[in-house]
N, C-alpha and C. Protein backbone atom coordinates (compact mmCIF):
# COMPACT_ATOMS: atom_id res chain seq x y z
N GLY A 1 0.80 -1.18 0.00
CA GLY A 1 0.00 0.00 0.00
C GLY A 1 0.86 1.26 0.00
N THR A 2 0.20 2.35 0.09
CA THR A 2 0.84 3.66 0.03
C THR A 2 1.79 3.87 1.20
N ASP A 3 1.35 3.52 2.40
CA ASP A 3 2.21 3.71 3.57
C ASP A 3 3.47 2.85 3.48
N ALA A 4 3.33 1.63 3.02
CA ALA A 4 4.50 0.76 2.86
C ALA A 4 5.48 1.35 1.86
N MET A 5 4.94 1.91 0.78
CA MET A 5 5.79 2.56 -0.22
C MET A 5 6.50 3.77 0.39
N ARG A 6 5.76 4.58 1.12
CA ARG A 6 6.35 5.76 1.76
C ARG A 6 7.44 5.37 2.75
N LEU A 7 7.16 4.36 3.57
CA LEU A 7 8.16 3.90 4.54
C LEU A 7 9.39 3.35 3.84
N GLY A 8 9.17 2.57 2.79
CA GLY A 8 10.30 2.02 2.03
C GLY A 8 11.16 3.11 1.43
N LEU A 9 10.53 4.11 0.85
CA LEU A 9 11.29 5.21 0.25
C LEU A 9 11.97 6.07 1.30
N CYS A 10 11.28 6.32 2.41
CA CYS A 10 11.88 7.12 3.48
C CYS A 10 13.07 6.40 4.11
N SER A 11 12.99 5.10 4.21
CA SER A 11 14.10 4.36 4.82
C SER A 11 15.33 4.35 3.93
N CYS A 12 15.14 4.58 2.64
CA CYS A 12 16.26 4.62 1.68
C CYS A 12 16.83 6.02 1.52
N ALA A 13 16.06 7.02 1.89
CA ALA A 13 16.48 8.40 1.66
C ALA A 13 17.59 8.77 2.63
N SER A 14 18.79 8.87 2.09
CA SER A 14 19.93 9.26 2.92
C SER A 14 20.60 10.46 2.27
N GLN A 15 21.69 10.86 2.85
CA GLN A 15 22.43 12.01 2.32
C GLN A 15 23.33 11.61 1.15
N ALA A 16 23.37 10.34 0.82
CA ALA A 16 24.20 9.85 -0.28
C ALA A 16 23.56 10.21 -1.63
N ARG A 17 24.35 10.17 -2.67
CA ARG A 17 23.86 10.51 -4.00
C ARG A 17 23.06 9.37 -4.62
N GLN A 18 23.36 8.15 -4.21
CA GLN A 18 22.74 6.98 -4.82
C GLN A 18 21.89 6.26 -3.78
N ILE A 19 20.71 5.82 -4.20
CA ILE A 19 19.80 5.10 -3.31
C ILE A 19 19.76 3.64 -3.74
N ASP A 20 19.94 2.75 -2.77
CA ASP A 20 19.85 1.32 -3.03
C ASP A 20 18.39 0.90 -2.82
N LEU A 21 17.64 0.86 -3.89
CA LEU A 21 16.22 0.55 -3.81
C LEU A 21 16.00 -0.92 -4.14
N ASP A 22 15.46 -1.64 -3.17
CA ASP A 22 15.26 -3.07 -3.31
C ASP A 22 13.79 -3.39 -3.08
N ARG A 23 13.22 -4.23 -3.91
CA ARG A 23 11.81 -4.60 -3.80
C ARG A 23 11.49 -5.25 -2.45
N ARG A 24 12.45 -5.97 -1.88
CA ARG A 24 12.23 -6.62 -0.59
C ARG A 24 11.97 -5.62 0.53
N ARG A 25 12.51 -4.42 0.38
CA ARG A 25 12.29 -3.38 1.39
C ARG A 25 10.81 -3.01 1.46
N PHE A 26 10.14 -2.95 0.30
CA PHE A 26 8.71 -2.63 0.28
C PHE A 26 7.89 -3.75 0.92
N GLU A 27 8.31 -4.99 0.70
CA GLU A 27 7.64 -6.13 1.33
C GLU A 27 7.82 -6.08 2.84
N GLU A 28 9.02 -5.72 3.27
CA GLU A 28 9.29 -5.61 4.70
C GLU A 28 8.39 -4.56 5.34
N PHE A 29 8.23 -3.43 4.69
CA PHE A 29 7.39 -2.39 5.27
C PHE A 29 5.91 -2.68 5.09
N ARG A 30 5.54 -3.48 4.12
CA ARG A 30 4.15 -3.95 4.03
C ARG A 30 3.85 -4.80 5.26
N ASN A 31 4.80 -5.67 5.63
CA ASN A 31 4.64 -6.48 6.84
C ASN A 31 4.60 -5.60 8.09
N PHE A 32 5.36 -4.51 8.07
CA PHE A 32 5.35 -3.59 9.21
C PHE A 32 4.00 -2.89 9.35
N ILE A 33 3.40 -2.51 8.24
CA ILE A 33 2.06 -1.90 8.29
C ILE A 33 1.07 -2.90 8.88
N ASN A 34 1.19 -4.17 8.50
CA ASN A 34 0.35 -5.22 9.11
C ASN A 34 0.60 -5.31 10.60
N LYS A 35 1.87 -5.19 11.00
CA LYS A 35 2.22 -5.25 12.42
C LYS A 35 1.60 -4.08 13.18
N ILE A 36 1.63 -2.90 12.59
CA ILE A 36 1.02 -1.73 13.22
C ILE A 36 -0.48 -1.98 13.41
N TRP A 37 -1.13 -2.46 12.36
CA TRP A 37 -2.57 -2.70 12.43
C TRP A 37 -2.90 -3.77 13.47
N ASN A 38 -2.16 -4.87 13.45
CA ASN A 38 -2.42 -5.95 14.42
C ASN A 38 -2.10 -5.52 15.84
N GLY A 39 -1.02 -4.76 16.03
CA GLY A 39 -0.70 -4.25 17.36
C GLY A 39 -1.79 -3.33 17.87
N ALA A 40 -2.31 -2.47 17.00
CA ALA A 40 -3.39 -1.57 17.39
C ALA A 40 -4.67 -2.36 17.70
N ARG A 41 -4.96 -3.36 16.90
CA ARG A 41 -6.15 -4.20 17.17
C ARG A 41 -6.04 -4.89 18.52
N PHE A 42 -4.83 -5.39 18.84
CA PHE A 42 -4.63 -6.03 20.15
C PHE A 42 -4.88 -5.03 21.27
N VAL A 43 -4.36 -3.83 21.12
CA VAL A 43 -4.58 -2.80 22.14
C VAL A 43 -6.06 -2.50 22.26
N PHE A 44 -6.75 -2.31 21.14
CA PHE A 44 -8.18 -2.00 21.18
C PHE A 44 -8.99 -3.13 21.83
N MET A 45 -8.63 -4.38 21.56
CA MET A 45 -9.35 -5.50 22.17
C MET A 45 -9.18 -5.51 23.69
N ASN A 46 -8.05 -4.99 24.15
CA ASN A 46 -7.76 -5.06 25.58
C ASN A 46 -8.04 -3.77 26.33
N ILE A 47 -8.52 -2.75 25.65
CA ILE A 47 -8.90 -1.51 26.35
C ILE A 47 -10.39 -1.23 26.21
N GLU A 48 -11.14 -2.22 25.73
CA GLU A 48 -12.58 -2.03 25.57
C GLU A 48 -13.26 -1.64 26.87
N SER A 49 -12.80 -2.18 27.98
CA SER A 49 -13.43 -1.88 29.27
C SER A 49 -12.97 -0.55 29.86
N LEU A 50 -11.99 0.09 29.24
CA LEU A 50 -11.48 1.37 29.73
C LEU A 50 -12.36 2.49 29.22
N SER A 51 -13.00 3.19 30.15
CA SER A 51 -13.90 4.28 29.77
C SER A 51 -13.12 5.58 29.61
N PRO A 52 -13.70 6.55 28.93
CA PRO A 52 -13.02 7.85 28.80
C PRO A 52 -12.70 8.49 30.16
N GLU A 53 -13.55 8.28 31.14
CA GLU A 53 -13.30 8.82 32.48
C GLU A 53 -12.08 8.15 33.12
N ASN A 54 -11.96 6.83 32.94
CA ASN A 54 -10.79 6.12 33.47
C ASN A 54 -9.52 6.56 32.79
N LEU A 55 -9.59 6.79 31.49
CA LEU A 55 -8.42 7.25 30.75
C LEU A 55 -8.01 8.64 31.20
N ALA A 56 -9.01 9.50 31.44
CA ALA A 56 -8.73 10.87 31.84
C ALA A 56 -8.06 10.94 33.22
N ALA A 57 -8.23 9.89 34.02
CA ALA A 57 -7.59 9.87 35.34
C ALA A 57 -6.07 9.81 35.23
N GLY A 58 -5.58 9.35 34.09
CA GLY A 58 -4.13 9.30 33.86
C GLY A 58 -3.48 8.06 34.44
N ILE A 59 -2.20 7.96 34.19
CA ILE A 59 -1.41 6.82 34.65
C ILE A 59 -1.12 6.98 36.14
N ASN A 60 -1.34 5.91 36.88
CA ASN A 60 -1.03 5.90 38.31
C ASN A 60 0.44 5.53 38.46
N HIS A 61 1.27 6.51 38.79
CA HIS A 61 2.71 6.28 38.86
C HIS A 61 3.12 5.36 40.01
N SER A 62 2.28 5.24 41.03
CA SER A 62 2.62 4.34 42.14
C SER A 62 2.47 2.87 41.75
N LEU A 63 1.75 2.60 40.66
CA LEU A 63 1.53 1.22 40.21
C LEU A 63 2.45 0.82 39.07
N LEU A 64 3.37 1.69 38.68
CA LEU A 64 4.26 1.37 37.57
C LEU A 64 5.22 0.25 37.95
N SER A 65 5.33 -0.72 37.08
CA SER A 65 6.29 -1.80 37.27
C SER A 65 7.55 -1.46 36.48
N LEU A 66 8.53 -2.31 36.58
CA LEU A 66 9.80 -2.07 35.89
C LEU A 66 9.59 -1.99 34.37
N GLU A 67 8.78 -2.89 33.82
CA GLU A 67 8.56 -2.86 32.38
C GLU A 67 7.80 -1.61 31.93
N ASP A 68 6.90 -1.10 32.80
CA ASP A 68 6.19 0.13 32.47
C ASP A 68 7.15 1.32 32.43
N GLU A 69 7.99 1.42 33.44
CA GLU A 69 8.96 2.50 33.48
C GLU A 69 9.91 2.42 32.29
N TRP A 70 10.31 1.20 31.94
CA TRP A 70 11.23 1.00 30.81
C TRP A 70 10.60 1.48 29.51
N ILE A 71 9.37 1.02 29.22
CA ILE A 71 8.76 1.36 27.93
C ILE A 71 8.44 2.85 27.85
N LEU A 72 8.03 3.45 28.96
CA LEU A 72 7.74 4.88 28.94
C LEU A 72 9.01 5.70 28.75
N SER A 73 10.12 5.26 29.36
CA SER A 73 11.39 5.97 29.15
C SER A 73 11.87 5.80 27.71
N ARG A 74 11.68 4.60 27.15
CA ARG A 74 12.06 4.37 25.75
C ARG A 74 11.18 5.22 24.82
N LEU A 75 9.91 5.34 25.13
CA LEU A 75 9.02 6.17 24.32
C LEU A 75 9.48 7.62 24.33
N ASN A 76 9.83 8.14 25.50
CA ASN A 76 10.31 9.52 25.58
C ASN A 76 11.60 9.70 24.79
N ARG A 77 12.51 8.76 24.93
CA ARG A 77 13.79 8.86 24.23
C ARG A 77 13.60 8.76 22.71
N ILE A 78 12.80 7.81 22.27
CA ILE A 78 12.61 7.62 20.83
C ILE A 78 11.85 8.79 20.23
N THR A 79 10.94 9.39 20.98
CA THR A 79 10.22 10.57 20.50
C THR A 79 11.18 11.72 20.25
N ASP A 80 12.07 11.95 21.20
CA ASP A 80 13.07 13.02 21.03
C ASP A 80 13.96 12.75 19.83
N GLU A 81 14.41 11.51 19.69
CA GLU A 81 15.31 11.16 18.59
C GLU A 81 14.63 11.27 17.23
N VAL A 82 13.43 10.75 17.12
CA VAL A 82 12.72 10.79 15.83
C VAL A 82 12.38 12.23 15.46
N ASN A 83 11.94 13.02 16.43
CA ASN A 83 11.65 14.43 16.13
C ASN A 83 12.91 15.16 15.68
N HIS A 84 14.03 14.86 16.31
CA HIS A 84 15.31 15.46 15.90
C HIS A 84 15.65 15.07 14.46
N HIS A 85 15.48 13.81 14.13
CA HIS A 85 15.78 13.34 12.77
C HIS A 85 14.84 13.98 11.74
N LEU A 86 13.58 14.11 12.10
CA LEU A 86 12.64 14.74 11.17
C LEU A 86 12.98 16.22 10.95
N GLU A 87 13.35 16.91 12.02
CA GLU A 87 13.74 18.31 11.89
C GLU A 87 14.97 18.48 11.01
N ASN A 88 15.85 17.48 11.01
CA ASN A 88 17.07 17.54 10.21
C ASN A 88 16.96 16.79 8.88
N TYR A 89 15.74 16.43 8.51
CA TYR A 89 15.44 15.75 7.24
C TYR A 89 16.18 14.42 7.10
N ALA A 90 16.46 13.78 8.20
CA ALA A 90 17.07 12.44 8.17
C ALA A 90 15.95 11.41 8.24
N PHE A 91 15.19 11.32 7.15
CA PHE A 91 14.01 10.46 7.13
C PHE A 91 14.35 8.99 7.29
N ASP A 92 15.51 8.59 6.80
CA ASP A 92 15.91 7.20 6.94
C ASP A 92 16.09 6.82 8.41
N LEU A 93 16.72 7.69 9.18
CA LEU A 93 16.93 7.41 10.61
C LEU A 93 15.61 7.47 11.38
N ALA A 94 14.75 8.43 11.05
CA ALA A 94 13.44 8.53 11.71
C ALA A 94 12.61 7.29 11.44
N THR A 95 12.65 6.81 10.22
CA THR A 95 11.87 5.63 9.84
C THR A 95 12.38 4.38 10.55
N THR A 96 13.69 4.17 10.52
CA THR A 96 14.22 2.94 11.13
C THR A 96 14.06 2.95 12.65
N GLN A 97 14.19 4.10 13.28
CA GLN A 97 14.01 4.13 14.73
C GLN A 97 12.56 3.90 15.12
N SER A 98 11.63 4.49 14.38
CA SER A 98 10.20 4.24 14.64
C SER A 98 9.87 2.77 14.45
N TYR A 99 10.40 2.23 13.37
CA TYR A 99 10.19 0.82 13.04
C TYR A 99 10.69 -0.07 14.18
N HIS A 100 11.91 0.12 14.60
CA HIS A 100 12.48 -0.74 15.65
C HIS A 100 11.78 -0.56 16.99
N PHE A 101 11.39 0.64 17.31
CA PHE A 101 10.67 0.84 18.57
C PHE A 101 9.34 0.10 18.55
N PHE A 102 8.56 0.31 17.50
CA PHE A 102 7.23 -0.31 17.47
C PHE A 102 7.32 -1.82 17.39
N TRP A 103 8.15 -2.33 16.50
CA TRP A 103 8.20 -3.78 16.29
C TRP A 103 8.92 -4.48 17.43
N SER A 104 10.11 -4.04 17.75
CA SER A 104 10.95 -4.79 18.68
C SER A 104 10.65 -4.50 20.15
N GLU A 105 10.43 -3.24 20.49
CA GLU A 105 10.26 -2.92 21.90
C GLU A 105 8.80 -2.95 22.33
N PHE A 106 7.93 -2.30 21.57
CA PHE A 106 6.53 -2.25 21.96
C PHE A 106 5.84 -3.60 21.75
N CYS A 107 5.88 -4.11 20.53
CA CYS A 107 5.15 -5.36 20.23
C CYS A 107 5.85 -6.60 20.77
N ALA A 108 7.14 -6.74 20.50
CA ALA A 108 7.83 -7.98 20.86
C ALA A 108 8.06 -8.13 22.36
N TYR A 109 8.30 -7.02 23.05
CA TYR A 109 8.58 -7.13 24.48
C TYR A 109 7.43 -6.67 25.35
N TYR A 110 7.04 -5.41 25.21
CA TYR A 110 6.08 -4.87 26.17
C TYR A 110 4.72 -5.56 26.10
N LEU A 111 4.19 -5.74 24.91
CA LEU A 111 2.89 -6.40 24.81
C LEU A 111 2.92 -7.80 25.40
N GLU A 112 4.02 -8.50 25.19
CA GLU A 112 4.15 -9.85 25.76
C GLU A 112 4.24 -9.81 27.29
N LEU A 113 4.89 -8.77 27.82
CA LEU A 113 5.03 -8.66 29.27
C LEU A 113 3.72 -8.30 29.97
N VAL A 114 2.84 -7.57 29.29
CA VAL A 114 1.59 -7.14 29.94
C VAL A 114 0.43 -8.10 29.71
N LYS A 115 0.58 -9.07 28.83
CA LYS A 115 -0.52 -10.00 28.56
C LYS A 115 -1.02 -10.70 29.83
N PRO A 116 -0.16 -11.17 30.73
CA PRO A 116 -0.70 -11.81 31.94
C PRO A 116 -1.57 -10.87 32.78
N TYR A 117 -1.24 -9.59 32.81
CA TYR A 117 -2.05 -8.61 33.53
C TYR A 117 -3.39 -8.40 32.82
N LEU A 118 -3.33 -8.28 31.52
CA LEU A 118 -4.55 -8.02 30.74
C LEU A 118 -5.51 -9.20 30.76
N PHE A 119 -4.97 -10.41 30.81
CA PHE A 119 -5.80 -11.60 30.82
C PHE A 119 -6.18 -12.04 32.23
N GLY A 120 -5.81 -11.27 33.25
CA GLY A 120 -6.21 -11.53 34.63
C GLY A 120 -5.47 -12.67 35.30
N LYS A 121 -4.33 -13.08 34.77
CA LYS A 121 -3.57 -14.19 35.37
C LYS A 121 -2.72 -13.72 36.54
N VAL A 122 -2.27 -12.48 36.51
CA VAL A 122 -1.48 -11.90 37.60
C VAL A 122 -1.96 -10.48 37.84
N GLY A 123 -1.61 -9.94 39.01
CA GLY A 123 -1.90 -8.55 39.31
C GLY A 123 -3.32 -8.30 39.78
N THR A 124 -3.55 -7.04 40.14
CA THR A 124 -4.86 -6.61 40.62
C THR A 124 -5.62 -5.91 39.51
N ALA A 125 -6.88 -5.60 39.80
CA ALA A 125 -7.70 -4.87 38.82
C ALA A 125 -7.13 -3.47 38.58
N ALA A 126 -6.57 -2.85 39.61
CA ALA A 126 -5.97 -1.52 39.46
C ALA A 126 -4.73 -1.58 38.58
N GLU A 127 -3.95 -2.64 38.72
CA GLU A 127 -2.76 -2.79 37.86
C GLU A 127 -3.18 -3.02 36.40
N LYS A 128 -4.21 -3.81 36.21
CA LYS A 128 -4.70 -4.06 34.85
C LYS A 128 -5.17 -2.76 34.21
N GLU A 129 -5.94 -1.98 34.96
CA GLU A 129 -6.44 -0.70 34.44
C GLU A 129 -5.28 0.25 34.13
N ASN A 130 -4.27 0.25 34.97
CA ASN A 130 -3.09 1.10 34.73
C ASN A 130 -2.36 0.66 33.45
N LYS A 131 -2.24 -0.65 33.26
CA LYS A 131 -1.61 -1.17 32.04
C LYS A 131 -2.43 -0.77 30.81
N GLN A 132 -3.76 -0.78 30.93
CA GLN A 132 -4.61 -0.37 29.82
C GLN A 132 -4.38 1.10 29.49
N ARG A 133 -4.25 1.93 30.50
CA ARG A 133 -3.96 3.35 30.26
C ARG A 133 -2.60 3.52 29.59
N ILE A 134 -1.61 2.77 30.04
CA ILE A 134 -0.28 2.86 29.44
C ILE A 134 -0.32 2.42 27.98
N LEU A 135 -1.04 1.34 27.70
CA LEU A 135 -1.17 0.87 26.31
C LEU A 135 -1.81 1.94 25.44
N THR A 136 -2.81 2.62 25.97
CA THR A 136 -3.48 3.68 25.21
C THR A 136 -2.53 4.83 24.92
N VAL A 137 -1.77 5.22 25.92
CA VAL A 137 -0.79 6.30 25.74
C VAL A 137 0.27 5.89 24.74
N LEU A 138 0.77 4.67 24.86
CA LEU A 138 1.80 4.18 23.93
C LEU A 138 1.28 4.15 22.49
N LEU A 139 0.10 3.62 22.29
CA LEU A 139 -0.46 3.57 20.95
C LEU A 139 -0.64 4.97 20.39
N CYS A 140 -1.20 5.84 21.19
CA CYS A 140 -1.45 7.21 20.76
C CYS A 140 -0.15 7.92 20.38
N GLN A 141 0.86 7.80 21.21
CA GLN A 141 2.12 8.49 20.96
C GLN A 141 2.89 7.88 19.79
N THR A 142 2.82 6.57 19.63
CA THR A 142 3.55 5.97 18.50
C THR A 142 2.89 6.31 17.17
N ILE A 143 1.56 6.42 17.14
CA ILE A 143 0.94 6.81 15.87
C ILE A 143 1.22 8.28 15.56
N LEU A 144 1.31 9.10 16.59
CA LEU A 144 1.72 10.49 16.36
C LEU A 144 3.13 10.55 15.81
N LEU A 145 3.98 9.70 16.34
CA LEU A 145 5.38 9.67 15.93
C LEU A 145 5.53 9.21 14.48
N MET A 146 4.72 8.26 14.07
CA MET A 146 4.84 7.72 12.72
C MET A 146 3.97 8.43 11.69
N HIS A 147 3.12 9.34 12.14
CA HIS A 147 2.18 9.98 11.22
C HIS A 147 2.83 10.71 10.05
N PRO A 148 3.94 11.43 10.23
CA PRO A 148 4.53 12.10 9.05
C PRO A 148 5.02 11.12 7.98
N ILE A 149 5.34 9.91 8.37
CA ILE A 149 5.92 8.94 7.44
C ILE A 149 4.86 7.96 6.92
N ALA A 150 3.90 7.62 7.75
CA ALA A 150 2.84 6.67 7.36
C ALA A 150 1.48 7.26 7.74
N PRO A 151 1.00 8.25 6.98
CA PRO A 151 -0.20 8.98 7.41
C PRO A 151 -1.51 8.21 7.31
N PHE A 152 -1.61 7.26 6.42
CA PHE A 152 -2.91 6.63 6.20
C PHE A 152 -3.28 5.65 7.31
N ILE A 153 -2.37 4.76 7.67
CA ILE A 153 -2.66 3.80 8.74
C ILE A 153 -2.78 4.51 10.09
N THR A 154 -1.94 5.52 10.31
CA THR A 154 -1.99 6.23 11.59
C THR A 154 -3.27 7.04 11.72
N GLU A 155 -3.74 7.61 10.63
CA GLU A 155 -5.00 8.36 10.68
C GLU A 155 -6.18 7.42 10.96
N GLU A 156 -6.16 6.26 10.37
CA GLU A 156 -7.23 5.28 10.61
C GLU A 156 -7.25 4.87 12.10
N ILE A 157 -6.10 4.62 12.65
CA ILE A 157 -6.02 4.23 14.07
C ILE A 157 -6.43 5.39 14.96
N PHE A 158 -6.00 6.59 14.59
CA PHE A 158 -6.38 7.77 15.36
C PHE A 158 -7.90 7.95 15.38
N GLN A 159 -8.54 7.75 14.25
CA GLN A 159 -10.00 7.88 14.18
C GLN A 159 -10.69 6.83 15.07
N LEU A 160 -10.13 5.63 15.12
CA LEU A 160 -10.68 4.60 16.00
C LEU A 160 -10.51 4.98 17.47
N LEU A 161 -9.37 5.56 17.81
CA LEU A 161 -9.16 6.04 19.18
C LEU A 161 -10.15 7.14 19.52
N LYS A 162 -10.34 8.04 18.59
CA LYS A 162 -11.26 9.16 18.81
C LYS A 162 -12.69 8.66 18.97
N THR A 163 -13.07 7.66 18.19
CA THR A 163 -14.40 7.08 18.30
C THR A 163 -14.59 6.41 19.66
N HIS A 164 -13.55 5.71 20.12
CA HIS A 164 -13.66 4.99 21.39
C HIS A 164 -13.65 5.93 22.59
N PHE A 165 -12.79 6.93 22.58
CA PHE A 165 -12.62 7.78 23.76
C PHE A 165 -13.23 9.16 23.62
N GLY A 166 -13.69 9.54 22.46
CA GLY A 166 -14.30 10.85 22.28
C GLY A 166 -13.27 11.91 21.95
N LYS A 167 -13.74 13.00 21.41
CA LYS A 167 -12.88 14.08 20.94
C LYS A 167 -12.09 14.72 22.07
N GLU A 168 -12.68 14.86 23.25
CA GLU A 168 -12.00 15.57 24.35
C GLU A 168 -10.80 14.80 24.89
N ASN A 169 -10.70 13.50 24.60
CA ASN A 169 -9.58 12.70 25.09
C ASN A 169 -8.63 12.29 23.96
N GLU A 170 -8.65 13.03 22.85
CA GLU A 170 -7.82 12.63 21.71
C GLU A 170 -6.35 12.79 22.03
N CYS A 171 -5.52 12.17 21.20
CA CYS A 171 -4.07 12.22 21.37
C CYS A 171 -3.58 13.65 21.28
N LYS A 172 -2.68 13.97 22.16
CA LYS A 172 -2.08 15.30 22.14
C LYS A 172 -0.57 15.15 22.10
N GLU A 173 0.07 16.10 21.48
CA GLU A 173 1.53 16.05 21.41
C GLU A 173 2.12 16.47 22.73
């Protein structure tokens, strides 16, 4: 699709005179777009019980576990780095860092670590609700981060978030 093409081209755009354009790169980013959609669907399936009022209460910092603190610190760091790369027109670096954060850190590690809480196997109801809030914040911020590079999938996810939580609780920078 269009976003996969944009991501593929952005990942190749460097300061060099010659671009190594490979068809496999577009396939890789097509798979990444699927990963974004499936990751968002997983988050939506697990935040259905979270009401706009619960979301507005914010993250309870006293309930943060080690993995929560880790992913939130990584989100802050990657946001600063990607914004810096975008300001300096280093689209290849912005693309690869967004890609690695979403695929490797958010989906591969954090989602797997919070599944026992979301499925009620460990933790309390307050911890589960806090994890749901964190997932919502992470999804919201990562789609904001990737929006300049992949606007179509991120806009679709943003509209779903807006529908679920209402306009007053929409993602903010």
